[in-house]
Amino acid sequence: MASYHLSAQIVKRSQGRSVVAMAAYRSGERLHDAAHDRFADYSNRRGVAFTEIMAPEGSAPWLTDRQTLWNAVEHAEKRSDAQLAREINIALPHELTDAERVELVRAFVAEQFVGRGMVADIAIHQPVREKGENPRNHHAHILLTLRQATPSGLREVKTREWNGRGMLDGWRAAWAAHQNDALRARGFRVQVDHRTLAAQRAEAMARGDRRAASLLDRIPEIHVGPRARQAGRQQRPLSSRPREAGPRRFWEKGAPARRRVVDYPRIDRGHRIDWLTNLMLGNNERAKAQVAKLERQAARLRHKLDHWDRQATFRIDGAIRGARFRWERAKAAEEARAARERERQKQTHAAKRAAQVREIIRELEMVLIAARGGREAVLARQRELEGWTRKLGREAQRGRGDARQR
């Protein structure tokens, strides 16, 4: 099924990054980096499905030339700790065709970025099956200028309004809406959601959708990026620092609102893939326990249903036979009518309860199917992670062999 991902980062010179080299790598081109007087050549890179630079209408024509644009950005920044660009990474729905994914990304970029005055350098990547990449891993990198485009080039000052948290939240919500509209227009029922699993589950519980709540009852995964994979290949610890994540909340009474802090140094004591694997094992145990609990509830409900079904079909004889006198026969007839009425009421009540229990069982079975499906998804993800681990182990082994040969 389609999955949601949108992350944003600022490209900083203080991290030793060159936005020209980044643009070359993402577009699979050979670009000259004037600031360092060298070429960044990634023309042999596979998996680049589409590239384009989108600029606001009426802006300088040279802004759509990749090499000229990013060299101009590098030249405009004088400080050693300058912020060069913003990068947006998004996951694309594998259910769509290549052309539909391009249309989707272009519409989103035009509305959210170019429409605000940014120049956007788009590179859509598709999985390379020969390299063992996940066949559903279609994604896009979007490099954005931090200055507005004008008919003469880029403004001298940066647009600080683009840095607000509210802006990022708006982009995340808009990307979910664009994906859902595209999927719905092409007949897909699957939808994505930009909110946290906890927020989605709380909403599902509030509307009484136990099936959706069951699928959302899991621990969110952590991201394993290129730095973490490289550290895994080289069998070395990953250098990292604590990072803030999520919205600002009032965690303590009387204290100011603050964001949750993810302790990445603790996570990265081993390899991040090991940590992710442990998360998946926890999710598997959680799903297994949930399935077992639901199966016990279903068994109890079926026992109740059997009881009420028997009550709904039970019959008694309310007549008294062998009466000698007329008044005895009249009394017996009255008692028989009262007994039949009581029986009718009991049967009506039993039938109503049986119908209620049957409906609960039907809903519970749907939740159980979802829980089993969720566990299968977790197990499939575990197998995928095991493949990553084996691959990293083989690459690390080859690396040690090459080192010994040298």
Protein backbone atom coordinates (compact mmCIF):
# COMPACT_ATOMS: atom_id res chain seq x y z
CA MET A 1 0.00 0.00 0.00
CA ALA A 2 1.08 3.63 -0.43
CA SER A 3 3.16 5.09 2.38
CA TYR A 4 3.74 8.67 3.44
CA HIS A 5 7.10 10.40 3.73
CA LEU A 6 8.10 14.05 3.51
CA SER A 7 11.25 15.35 5.17
CA ALA A 8 13.03 18.66 4.86
CA GLN A 9 16.60 19.69 5.56
CA ILE A 10 18.73 22.79 5.10
CA VAL A 11 21.88 22.35 3.03
CA LYS A 12 24.66 23.94 5.09
CA ARG A 13 28.17 24.86 3.99
CA SER A 14 29.38 24.25 7.56
CA GLN A 15 28.68 20.54 7.00
CA GLY A 16 31.10 20.54 4.07
CA ARG A 17 28.33 20.26 1.51
CA SER A 18 28.29 21.65 -2.01
CA VAL A 19 24.86 22.32 -3.47
CA VAL A 20 26.35 21.98 -6.99
CA ALA A 21 27.55 18.46 -6.19
CA MET A 22 24.18 17.63 -4.64
CA ALA A 23 22.36 18.79 -7.76
CA ALA A 24 24.70 16.76 -9.95
CA TYR A 25 24.20 13.60 -7.90
CA ARG A 26 20.42 13.87 -7.77
CA SER A 27 20.05 14.71 -11.45
CA GLY A 28 22.68 12.22 -12.65
CA GLU A 29 24.62 14.91 -14.55
CA ARG A 30 28.15 16.28 -14.83
CA LEU A 31 28.32 19.81 -13.40
CA HIS A 32 31.25 22.15 -12.89
CA ASP A 33 31.60 23.44 -9.32
CA ALA A 34 33.14 26.87 -9.81
CA ALA A 35 33.75 27.51 -6.09
CA HIS A 36 36.05 24.47 -5.85
CA ASP A 37 37.08 24.41 -9.54
CA ARG A 38 36.19 20.75 -10.03
CA PHE A 39 33.59 18.64 -11.77
CA ALA A 40 30.93 16.64 -9.98
CA ASP A 41 30.32 13.83 -12.46
CA TYR A 42 27.41 11.49 -11.84
CA SER A 43 26.45 11.00 -15.46
CA ASN A 44 26.66 7.20 -15.08
CA ARG A 45 24.22 7.15 -12.18
CA ARG A 46 21.27 4.80 -12.65
CA GLY A 47 17.74 5.21 -11.39
CA VAL A 48 17.13 8.85 -12.38
CA ALA A 49 13.68 8.77 -14.01
CA PHE A 50 12.96 12.49 -14.47
CA THR A 51 14.58 15.87 -13.86
CA GLU A 52 13.34 19.43 -14.30
CA ILE A 53 13.92 22.91 -12.93
CA MET A 54 10.73 24.87 -12.32
CA ALA A 55 10.90 28.64 -11.83
CA PRO A 56 8.20 31.28 -11.29
CA GLU A 57 6.73 32.84 -14.39
CA GLY A 58 8.60 35.98 -15.47
CA SER A 59 11.82 35.11 -13.60
CA ALA A 60 15.27 35.23 -15.21
CA PRO A 61 15.69 32.48 -17.89
CA TRP A 62 19.11 31.41 -16.57
CA LEU A 63 17.50 30.18 -13.35
CA THR A 64 16.39 27.04 -15.19
CA ASP A 65 19.99 26.09 -16.07
CA ARG A 66 21.13 23.69 -13.32
CA GLN A 67 24.84 24.47 -13.39
CA THR A 68 24.36 28.24 -13.61
CA LEU A 69 21.68 28.30 -10.92
CA TRP A 70 23.53 26.45 -8.17
CA ASN A 71 26.89 28.07 -8.89
CA ALA A 72 25.13 31.43 -8.51
CA VAL A 73 23.73 30.27 -5.16
CA GLU A 74 27.19 29.19 -3.99
CA HIS A 75 28.71 32.49 -5.16
CA ALA A 76 26.04 34.60 -3.39
CA GLU A 77 26.85 33.05 0.01
CA LYS A 78 30.05 34.46 1.58
CA ARG A 79 29.94 32.97 5.08
CA SER A 80 31.59 29.66 5.96
CA ASP A 81 28.43 28.61 7.82
CA ALA A 82 26.00 29.79 5.12
CA GLN A 83 22.71 28.06 4.41
CA LEU A 84 22.71 27.24 0.70
CA ALA A 85 19.38 25.59 -0.12
CA ARG A 86 16.50 23.57 1.24
CA GLU A 87 15.97 19.95 0.21
CA ILE A 88 12.60 18.21 0.34
CA ASN A 89 12.53 14.43 0.09
CA ILE A 90 9.21 12.74 -0.66
CA ALA A 91 8.09 9.16 -1.18
CA LEU A 92 5.98 8.60 -4.29
CA PRO A 93 3.06 6.13 -4.54
CA HIS A 94 4.18 3.01 -6.39
CA GLU A 95 0.57 2.41 -7.49
CA LEU A 96 0.89 5.18 -10.12
CA THR A 97 2.67 5.03 -13.47
CA ASP A 98 5.88 6.93 -14.16
CA ALA A 99 3.99 9.65 -16.05
CA GLU A 100 1.40 9.96 -13.26
CA ARG A 101 4.14 10.33 -10.64
CA VAL A 102 5.76 13.12 -12.68
CA GLU A 103 2.40 14.88 -13.01
CA LEU A 104 1.80 14.54 -9.27
CA VAL A 105 5.20 15.97 -8.27
CA ARG A 106 5.02 18.86 -10.74
CA ALA A 107 1.55 19.88 -9.49
CA PHE A 108 2.68 19.78 -5.84
CA VAL A 109 5.90 21.71 -6.51
CA ALA A 110 4.12 24.33 -8.62
CA GLU A 111 1.53 24.99 -5.92
CA GLN A 112 3.62 24.86 -2.75
CA PHE A 113 7.07 26.09 -3.82
CA VAL A 114 7.19 27.78 -7.22
CA GLY A 115 3.93 29.58 -6.46
CA ARG A 116 5.68 31.18 -3.47
CA GLY A 117 8.61 32.39 -5.56
CA MET A 118 11.14 29.57 -5.12
CA VAL A 119 13.15 27.89 -7.85
CA ALA A 120 12.72 24.10 -7.57
CA ASP A 121 15.18 21.54 -8.96
CA ILE A 122 13.28 18.23 -9.20
CA ALA A 123 14.85 14.77 -9.53
CA ILE A 124 12.60 11.70 -9.47
CA HIS A 125 14.39 8.43 -8.69
CA GLN A 126 13.14 4.93 -9.35
CA PRO A 127 14.46 1.70 -7.78
CA VAL A 128 17.27 -0.13 -9.56
CA ARG A 129 16.28 -3.79 -9.34
CA GLU A 130 19.77 -5.00 -10.29
CA LYS A 131 21.07 -3.39 -7.08
CA GLY A 132 18.47 -5.20 -4.98
CA GLU A 133 16.51 -2.03 -4.19
CA ASN A 134 12.92 -2.20 -3.00
CA PRO A 135 10.75 -2.13 -6.16
CA ARG A 136 8.29 0.25 -4.44
CA ASN A 137 10.95 2.82 -3.51
CA HIS A 138 9.98 5.58 -5.94
CA HIS A 139 10.91 8.96 -4.48
CA ALA A 140 11.80 12.53 -5.39
CA HIS A 141 14.44 15.03 -4.27
CA ILE A 142 13.51 18.71 -4.56
CA LEU A 143 16.26 21.32 -4.11
CA LEU A 144 14.82 24.76 -3.37
CA THR A 145 16.38 28.21 -3.36
CA LEU A 146 16.22 30.21 -0.14
CA ARG A 147 15.81 33.46 -2.09
CA GLN A 148 12.87 34.47 -4.24
CA ALA A 149 13.26 34.46 -8.01
CA THR A 150 12.95 37.78 -9.85
CA PRO A 151 13.25 38.88 -13.50
CA SER A 152 16.91 39.73 -12.81
CA GLY A 153 17.82 36.60 -10.84
CA LEU A 154 17.58 35.87 -7.11
CA ARG A 155 16.81 38.44 -4.44
CA GLU A 156 19.70 39.69 -2.33
CA VAL A 157 18.00 38.74 0.95
CA LYS A 158 16.56 35.39 1.94
CA THR A 159 12.87 34.88 2.61
CA ARG A 160 12.75 34.01 6.30
CA GLU A 161 9.01 33.27 6.23
CA TRP A 162 9.77 29.97 4.50
CA ASN A 163 11.61 28.70 7.59
CA GLY A 164 8.63 28.58 9.96
CA ARG A 165 7.39 25.33 11.45
CA GLY A 166 3.90 26.17 10.28
CA MET A 167 5.14 26.29 6.69
CA LEU A 168 6.58 22.77 6.95
CA ASP A 169 3.37 21.48 8.54
CA GLY A 170 1.43 23.00 5.65
CA TRP A 171 3.70 21.31 3.09
CA ARG A 172 3.25 17.95 4.83
CA ALA A 173 -0.54 18.25 4.84
CA ALA A 174 -0.60 19.45 1.23
CA TRP A 175 1.56 16.53 0.05
CA ALA A 176 -0.84 14.04 1.68
CA ALA A 177 -3.80 15.77 0.01
CA HIS A 178 -2.11 15.76 -3.43
CA GLN A 179 -1.31 12.04 -3.15
CA ASN A 180 -4.81 11.13 -2.01
CA ASP A 181 -6.41 13.13 -4.82
CA ALA A 182 -4.16 11.41 -7.40
CA LEU A 183 -4.85 7.93 -6.00
CA ARG A 184 -8.61 8.55 -5.76
CA ALA A 185 -8.77 9.93 -9.31
CA ARG A 186 -7.23 6.71 -10.62
CA GLY A 187 -9.53 4.39 -8.73
CA PHE A 188 -7.31 3.44 -5.77
CA ARG A 189 -8.98 3.21 -2.37
CA VAL A 190 -5.70 3.42 -0.44
CA GLN A 191 -4.99 6.75 1.25
CA VAL A 192 -2.03 8.28 3.11
CA ASP A 193 -1.94 10.44 6.23
CA HIS A 194 0.77 12.93 7.24
CA ARG A 195 -0.05 12.77 10.96
CA THR A 196 1.65 10.61 13.57
CA LEU A 197 0.47 7.04 14.18
CA ALA A 198 -0.71 8.06 17.66
CA ALA A 199 -2.86 10.90 16.30
CA GLN A 200 -4.36 8.68 13.60
CA ARG A 201 -5.10 5.91 16.10
CA ALA A 202 -6.75 8.32 18.55
CA GLU A 203 -9.05 9.56 15.78
CA ALA A 204 -9.90 6.00 14.73
CA MET A 205 -10.79 5.07 18.31
CA ALA A 206 -12.91 8.23 18.67
CA ARG A 207 -15.02 7.29 15.65
CA GLY A 208 -15.24 3.64 16.76
CA ASP A 209 -13.15 2.20 13.91
CA ARG A 210 -11.35 -0.62 15.76
CA ARG A 211 -10.06 -2.10 12.50
CA ALA A 212 -8.13 1.05 11.60
CA ALA A 213 -7.00 1.48 15.21
CA SER A 214 -5.61 -2.06 15.18
CA LEU A 215 -3.51 -1.37 12.08
CA LEU A 216 -2.15 1.82 13.66
CA ASP A 217 -1.20 0.23 16.98
CA ARG A 218 2.55 -0.04 16.39
CA ILE A 219 5.79 1.75 17.21
CA PRO A 220 6.94 4.10 14.41
CA GLU A 221 10.15 3.13 12.65
CA ILE A 222 13.28 5.27 12.58
CA HIS A 223 14.93 6.45 9.38
CA VAL A 224 18.03 4.63 8.14
CA GLY A 225 19.70 7.12 5.81
CA PRO A 226 22.82 6.92 3.64
CA ARG A 227 25.16 7.87 6.53
CA ALA A 228 23.77 5.09 8.70
CA ARG A 229 24.02 2.54 5.86
CA GLN A 230 27.60 3.62 5.15
CA ALA A 231 28.47 3.19 8.84
CA GLY A 232 26.93 -0.28 8.73
CA ARG A 233 28.99 -1.24 5.69
CA GLN A 234 32.17 -0.06 7.39
CA GLN A 235 31.24 -1.71 10.71
CA ARG A 236 31.80 1.52 12.66
CA PRO A 237 29.59 3.48 15.08
CA LEU A 238 27.57 6.35 13.67
CA SER A 239 28.40 9.83 14.92
CA SER A 240 25.15 11.60 15.77
CA ARG A 241 23.52 14.02 18.21
CA PRO A 242 20.15 14.36 19.96
CA ARG A 243 17.46 15.89 17.74
CA GLU A 244 14.08 17.45 18.40
CA ALA A 245 11.10 15.81 16.76
CA GLY A 246 7.33 16.25 16.57
CA PRO A 247 5.14 19.19 17.63
CA ARG A 248 5.65 21.34 20.71
CA ARG A 249 3.73 19.98 23.70
CA PHE A 250 3.25 20.88 27.37
CA TRP A 251 5.00 17.86 28.87
CA GLU A 252 5.08 19.22 32.43
CA LYS A 253 2.62 21.46 34.26
CA GLY A 254 3.90 25.02 34.47
CA ALA A 255 6.79 24.35 32.09
CA PRO A 256 6.99 25.87 28.60
CA ALA A 257 6.00 23.82 25.57
CA ARG A 258 8.84 21.87 24.03
CA ARG A 259 9.40 19.24 21.38
CA ARG A 260 10.27 15.58 22.01
CA VAL A 261 14.03 14.84 21.93
CA VAL A 262 15.20 11.69 20.13
CA ASP A 263 18.38 10.32 21.73
CA TYR A 264 20.20 9.33 18.54
CA PRO A 265 23.57 8.80 20.28
CA ARG A 266 21.93 6.05 22.36
CA ILE A 267 20.26 4.61 19.26
CA ASP A 268 23.55 4.65 17.35
CA ARG A 269 25.63 2.80 19.93
CA GLY A 270 25.22 -0.17 17.65
CA HIS A 271 24.10 0.08 14.03
CA ARG A 272 20.87 1.89 13.28
CA ILE A 273 19.60 -1.07 11.28
CA ASP A 274 20.00 -3.21 14.42
CA TRP A 275 17.91 -0.68 16.34
CA LEU A 276 15.28 -0.66 13.61
CA THR A 277 15.25 -4.46 13.62
CA ASN A 278 14.60 -4.45 17.37
CA LEU A 279 11.71 -2.03 16.82
CA MET A 280 10.25 -4.40 14.24
CA LEU A 281 10.65 -7.36 16.61
CA GLY A 282 8.75 -5.34 19.24
CA ASN A 283 6.02 -4.55 16.72
CA ASN A 284 5.82 -8.25 15.83
CA GLU A 285 5.37 -9.25 19.48
CA ARG A 286 2.80 -6.48 19.91
CA ALA A 287 0.85 -7.67 16.85
CA LYS A 288 1.12 -11.32 17.96
CA ALA A 289 -0.27 -10.49 21.43
CA GLN A 290 -3.06 -8.42 19.87
CA VAL A 291 -4.09 -11.28 17.54
CA ALA A 292 -4.13 -13.73 20.47
CA LYS A 293 -6.26 -11.32 22.56
CA LEU A 294 -8.73 -10.83 19.72
CA GLU A 295 -8.99 -14.58 19.16
CA ARG A 296 -9.83 -15.09 22.87
CA GLN A 297 -12.48 -12.36 22.68
CA ALA A 298 -13.97 -13.98 19.56
CA ALA A 299 -14.14 -17.39 21.30
CA ARG A 300 -15.99 -15.91 24.29
CA LEU A 301 -18.42 -14.10 22.02
CA ARG A 302 -19.18 -17.26 20.04
CA HIS A 303 -19.99 -19.04 23.32
CA LYS A 304 -22.40 -16.22 24.19
CA LEU A 305 -23.95 -16.38 20.73
CA ASP A 306 -24.60 -20.09 21.14
CA HIS A 307 -26.36 -19.40 24.47
CA TRP A 308 -28.64 -16.71 23.06
CA ASP A 309 -29.43 -18.73 19.94
CA ARG A 310 -30.64 -21.57 22.18
CA GLN A 311 -32.75 -19.14 24.22
CA ALA A 312 -34.30 -17.71 21.07
CA THR A 313 -35.58 -21.15 19.97
CA PHE A 314 -36.54 -22.61 23.41
CA ARG A 315 -40.20 -23.62 23.82
CA ILE A 316 -42.34 -24.36 26.93
CA ASP A 317 -45.86 -25.68 27.25
CA GLY A 318 -47.93 -23.25 29.30
CA ALA A 319 -51.12 -25.36 29.33
CA ILE A 320 -52.32 -27.34 32.36
CA ARG A 321 -54.03 -30.58 31.29
CA GLY A 322 -56.54 -32.72 33.16
CA ALA A 323 -58.54 -29.84 34.75
CA ARG A 324 -61.90 -31.10 36.14
CA PHE A 325 -63.86 -27.85 36.48
CA ARG A 326 -64.60 -24.98 34.12
CA TRP A 327 -62.94 -22.39 36.34
CA GLU A 328 -59.83 -24.59 36.48
CA ARG A 329 -59.77 -24.78 32.70
CA ALA A 330 -60.15 -20.97 32.43
CA LYS A 331 -57.36 -20.43 34.91
CA ALA A 332 -55.18 -22.92 33.07
CA ALA A 333 -55.84 -21.15 29.77
CA GLU A 334 -54.91 -17.77 31.31
CA GLU A 335 -51.71 -19.20 32.75
CA ALA A 336 -50.88 -20.72 29.38
CA ARG A 337 -51.37 -17.34 27.63
CA ALA A 338 -49.18 -15.61 30.26
CA ALA A 339 -46.52 -18.30 29.89
CA ARG A 340 -46.53 -17.94 26.10
CA GLU A 341 -46.24 -14.14 26.42
CA ARG A 342 -43.31 -14.50 28.79
CA GLU A 343 -41.74 -16.97 26.38
CA ARG A 344 -42.34 -14.61 23.46
CA GLN A 345 -40.66 -11.75 25.35
CA LYS A 346 -37.74 -14.00 26.31
CA GLN A 347 -37.31 -15.16 22.73
CA THR A 348 -37.52 -11.58 21.43
CA HIS A 349 -34.87 -10.48 23.95
CA ALA A 350 -32.67 -13.50 23.15
CA ALA A 351 -32.96 -12.89 19.42
CA LYS A 352 -32.03 -9.22 19.92
CA ARG A 353 -29.00 -10.13 22.03
CA ALA A 354 -27.96 -12.81 19.52
CA ALA A 355 -28.11 -10.24 16.71
CA GLN A 356 -26.01 -7.81 18.77
CA VAL A 357 -23.41 -10.46 19.56
CA ARG A 358 -23.35 -11.59 15.93
CA GLU A 359 -22.67 -7.99 14.81
CA ILE A 360 -19.90 -7.62 17.41
CA ILE A 361 -18.35 -10.89 16.20
CA ARG A 362 -18.53 -9.66 12.60
CA GLU A 363 -16.75 -6.42 13.52
CA LEU A 364 -14.24 -8.29 15.67
CA GLU A 365 -13.44 -10.66 12.81
CA MET A 366 -12.74 -7.64 10.59
CA VAL A 367 -10.40 -6.27 13.26
CA LEU A 368 -8.79 -9.71 13.54
CA ILE A 369 -8.23 -9.86 9.79
CA ALA A 370 -6.64 -6.41 9.94
CA ALA A 371 -4.46 -7.43 12.89
CA ARG A 372 -3.30 -10.58 11.10
CA GLY A 373 -2.61 -8.53 7.98
CA GLY A 374 -0.70 -6.00 10.07
CA ARG A 375 1.41 -8.76 11.55
CA GLU A 376 2.11 -10.17 8.08
CA ALA A 377 3.24 -6.68 7.02
CA VAL A 378 5.53 -6.50 10.05
CA LEU A 379 6.98 -9.93 9.24
CA ALA A 380 7.53 -8.90 5.62
CA ARG A 381 9.31 -5.75 6.81
CA GLN A 382 11.45 -7.90 9.14
CA ARG A 383 12.48 -10.11 6.23
CA GLU A 384 13.39 -7.00 4.25
CA LEU A 385 15.53 -5.71 7.12
CA GLU A 386 17.21 -9.11 7.45
CA GLY A 387 18.10 -8.82 3.77
CA TRP A 388 19.63 -5.39 4.41
CA THR A 389 21.64 -6.78 7.31
CA ARG A 390 22.96 -9.72 5.27
CA LYS A 391 23.86 -7.37 2.42
CA LEU A 392 25.70 -4.99 4.76
CA GLY A 393 27.53 -7.96 6.27
CA ARG A 394 28.67 -9.17 2.86
CA GLU A 395 29.79 -5.66 1.87
CA ALA A 396 31.69 -5.25 5.16
CA GLN A 397 33.33 -8.67 4.65
CA ARG A 398 34.39 -7.72 1.12
CA GLY A 399 35.74 -4.42 2.46
CA ARG A 400 37.90 -6.22 5.05
CA GLY A 401 39.13 -8.63 2.35
CA ASP A 402 40.12 -5.76 0.07
CA ALA A 403 41.93 -4.06 2.97
CA ARG A 404 43.94 -7.25 3.70
CA GLN A 405 44.89 -7.54 0.04
CA ARG A 406 46.16 -3.99 0.00
